[in-house]
């Protein structure tokens, strides 16, 4: 049974957060983010509702899940375990088996999505400084954090970084030689 048989649509604030996380290379795709966000929401036992303050839309491709069919099962099992933790009486078969006759997939997917919306908010909070600033602002913050306000200190830092980079290159070459 395919739990996720159509694209998942994120709207409003959640789509905006997801787009910013993807554009800032925190996640490679909306699907990567959705899975982690769903697990975070399930772990904390919290859900969120769609917030349409912002006019944005992001589609998470079902293809990602079709290629990883066991991933749906993992999400389902985590969700069912959360229900047991909350005190719902479920049999082992209800926890571990997605069965067409006992589970309405639309309701189940909506429940996973509600957990994912909470997870997206949580992840967005953790990366809020990154999402609120441009690259230029982040570089300036790093320079200020390093107390590199004087040009000579900046030159010293650049030289240190070059040495570190060259050392890493040398270490990688040595590792390549040893592996051959």
Protein backbone atom coordinates (compact mmCIF):
# COMPACT_ATOMS: atom_id res chain seq x y z
CA UNK A 1 0.00 0.00 0.00
CA UNK A 2 1.32 3.42 -0.90
CA UNK A 3 0.79 5.79 1.98
CA UNK A 4 2.02 8.77 -0.03
CA UNK A 5 0.42 8.42 -3.44
CA UNK A 6 0.36 12.09 -4.44
CA UNK A 7 2.64 15.08 -4.03
CA UNK A 8 2.56 16.69 -0.59
CA UNK A 9 1.74 20.38 -0.76
CA UNK A 10 3.13 22.79 1.81
CA UNK A 11 1.46 26.19 1.93
CA UNK A 12 2.00 29.54 3.59
CA UNK A 13 4.55 29.95 6.36
CA UNK A 14 5.69 26.31 6.21
CA UNK A 15 6.34 26.48 2.47
CA UNK A 16 8.32 29.68 2.98
CA UNK A 17 10.45 28.13 5.74
CA UNK A 18 11.00 24.98 3.66
CA UNK A 19 11.98 26.98 0.58
CA UNK A 20 14.48 29.05 2.60
CA UNK A 21 16.04 25.91 4.12
CA UNK A 22 16.44 24.36 0.67
CA UNK A 23 17.77 27.55 -0.92
CA UNK A 24 20.33 27.89 1.89
CA UNK A 25 21.45 24.27 1.30
CA UNK A 26 20.35 23.05 4.71
CA UNK A 27 18.30 20.38 2.89
CA UNK A 28 18.69 19.03 -0.63
CA UNK A 29 14.97 18.72 -1.25
CA UNK A 30 11.56 19.28 0.23
CA UNK A 31 11.23 15.53 0.72
CA UNK A 32 14.38 15.36 2.87
CA UNK A 33 13.02 18.17 4.99
CA UNK A 34 9.52 16.66 5.17
CA UNK A 35 10.76 13.30 6.47
CA UNK A 36 12.95 14.84 9.15
CA UNK A 37 10.26 17.34 10.11
CA UNK A 38 7.64 14.59 10.39
CA UNK A 39 9.91 12.57 12.66
CA UNK A 40 10.58 15.64 14.83
CA UNK A 41 6.86 16.34 15.14
CA UNK A 42 6.11 12.71 15.98
CA UNK A 43 8.99 12.57 18.49
CA UNK A 44 7.69 15.62 20.35
CA UNK A 45 4.09 14.44 19.92
CA UNK A 46 3.09 17.83 18.50
CA UNK A 47 1.26 19.03 15.43
CA UNK A 48 0.74 22.36 13.74
CA UNK A 49 -1.91 23.69 11.43
CA UNK A 50 -1.46 25.36 8.06
CA UNK A 51 -0.60 29.03 8.48
CA UNK A 52 -1.43 31.10 5.40
CA UNK A 53 0.03 34.42 6.63
CA UNK A 54 2.51 34.18 3.78
CA UNK A 55 1.44 33.43 0.22
CA UNK A 56 3.79 30.59 -0.72
CA UNK A 57 3.48 27.02 -1.99
CA UNK A 58 5.96 24.16 -2.22
CA UNK A 59 5.29 20.68 -3.57
CA UNK A 60 7.13 17.69 -2.15
CA UNK A 61 7.41 15.03 -4.84
CA UNK A 62 5.86 11.64 -4.19
CA UNK A 63 8.59 10.13 -6.38
CA UNK A 64 11.03 10.45 -3.46
CA UNK A 65 8.80 8.18 -1.38
CA UNK A 66 8.01 5.78 -4.22
CA UNK A 67 11.73 5.13 -4.64
CA UNK A 68 12.05 4.54 -0.88
CA UNK A 69 8.94 2.51 -0.10
CA UNK A 70 10.19 1.44 3.32
CA UNK A 71 10.40 5.08 4.37
CA UNK A 72 6.61 5.26 4.39
CA UNK A 73 6.54 2.23 6.69
CA UNK A 74 9.01 3.88 9.05
CA UNK A 75 6.91 7.04 9.26
CA UNK A 76 3.79 4.94 9.82
CA UNK A 77 5.39 2.88 12.60
CA UNK A 78 6.76 5.96 14.37
CA UNK A 79 3.31 7.56 14.19
CA UNK A 80 1.62 4.46 15.57
CA UNK A 81 4.16 4.22 18.40
CA UNK A 82 3.41 7.83 19.29
CA UNK A 83 -0.29 6.94 19.50
CA UNK A 84 0.53 4.08 21.88
CA UNK A 85 2.71 6.42 23.94
CA UNK A 86 -0.24 8.82 24.19
CA UNK A 87 -2.31 6.00 25.66
CA UNK A 88 -4.28 4.73 22.68
CA UNK A 89 -4.92 1.01 22.76
CA UNK A 90 -3.43 -0.48 19.60
CA UNK A 91 -2.56 -4.08 18.85
CA UNK A 92 0.89 -5.01 17.55
CA UNK A 93 -0.66 -5.58 14.12
CA UNK A 94 -2.09 -2.05 14.16
CA UNK A 95 1.31 -0.62 15.09
CA UNK A 96 3.45 -2.49 12.58
CA UNK A 97 1.22 -3.26 9.57
CA UNK A 98 -0.20 -0.75 7.15
CA UNK A 99 -3.35 -2.54 6.10
CA UNK A 100 -5.75 -1.13 3.50
CA UNK A 101 -8.76 -2.46 5.36
CA UNK A 102 -7.96 -0.89 8.76
CA UNK A 103 -6.15 2.32 7.88
CA UNK A 104 -7.53 5.25 5.92
CA UNK A 105 -4.44 6.56 4.14
CA UNK A 106 -5.77 10.08 3.62
CA UNK A 107 -6.33 10.59 7.35
CA UNK A 108 -2.99 9.02 8.15
CA UNK A 109 -1.14 11.24 5.69
CA UNK A 110 -2.90 14.33 7.07
CA UNK A 111 -1.76 13.32 10.55
CA UNK A 112 1.85 12.84 9.41
CA UNK A 113 1.69 16.18 7.59
CA UNK A 114 0.44 17.94 10.75
CA UNK A 115 3.43 16.54 12.63
CA UNK A 116 5.71 17.62 9.78
CA UNK A 117 4.37 21.18 9.93
CA UNK A 118 5.37 21.34 13.59
CA UNK A 119 8.79 19.89 12.70
CA UNK A 120 9.28 22.50 9.96
CA UNK A 121 8.57 25.23 12.51
CA UNK A 122 11.08 23.68 14.94
CA UNK A 123 13.76 23.37 12.27
CA UNK A 124 13.02 26.91 11.12
CA UNK A 125 13.56 28.14 14.69
CA UNK A 126 16.92 26.38 14.85
CA UNK A 127 18.07 27.97 11.60
CA UNK A 128 16.31 31.31 12.07
CA UNK A 129 19.49 33.40 12.06
CA UNK A 130 20.61 31.76 8.83
CA UNK A 131 17.23 32.26 7.18
CA UNK A 132 16.91 35.91 8.19
CA UNK A 133 20.28 37.07 6.88
CA UNK A 134 21.84 37.32 3.48
CA UNK A 135 25.22 35.71 2.75
CA UNK A 136 26.91 39.10 2.98
CA UNK A 137 25.42 39.70 6.43
CA UNK A 138 26.59 36.25 7.59
CA UNK A 139 30.16 36.97 6.43
CA UNK A 140 30.12 40.29 8.26
CA UNK A 141 28.85 38.55 11.42
CA UNK A 142 31.65 35.98 11.22
CA UNK A 143 34.22 38.73 10.81
CA UNK A 144 32.80 40.64 13.75
CA UNK A 145 32.64 37.48 15.86
CA UNK A 146 36.30 36.88 15.12
CA UNK A 147 37.09 40.47 16.14
CA UNK A 148 38.63 40.99 12.72
CA UNK A 149 37.88 44.67 12.47
CA UNK A 150 41.47 45.64 11.59
CA UNK A 151 42.67 44.84 8.04
CA UNK A 152 45.90 43.21 9.30
CA UNK A 153 43.89 40.82 11.50
CA UNK A 154 41.77 39.90 8.51
CA UNK A 155 44.91 39.18 6.45
CA UNK A 156 46.23 36.95 9.26
CA UNK A 157 42.94 35.05 9.36
CA UNK A 158 43.00 34.55 5.58
CA UNK A 159 46.56 33.18 5.83
CA UNK A 160 45.52 30.81 8.66
CA UNK A 161 42.60 29.59 6.55
CA UNK A 162 44.88 29.03 3.54
CA UNK A 163 47.30 26.98 5.65
CA UNK A 164 44.44 24.93 7.05
CA UNK A 165 43.06 24.35 3.55
CA UNK A 166 46.47 23.30 2.23
CA UNK A 167 46.97 20.98 5.20
CA UNK A 168 43.59 19.36 4.50
CA UNK A 169 44.54 18.88 0.86
CA UNK A 170 47.80 17.25 1.89
CA UNK A 171 46.04 14.98 4.41
CA UNK A 172 43.51 13.95 1.76
CA UNK A 173 46.28 13.13 -0.70
CA UNK A 174 48.02 11.00 1.92
CA UNK A 175 44.76 9.18 2.65
CA UNK A 176 44.28 8.53 -1.06
CA UNK A 177 47.79 7.09 -1.32
CA UNK A 178 47.29 4.85 1.71
CA UNK A 179 43.97 3.55 0.40
CA UNK A 180 45.49 2.50 -2.94
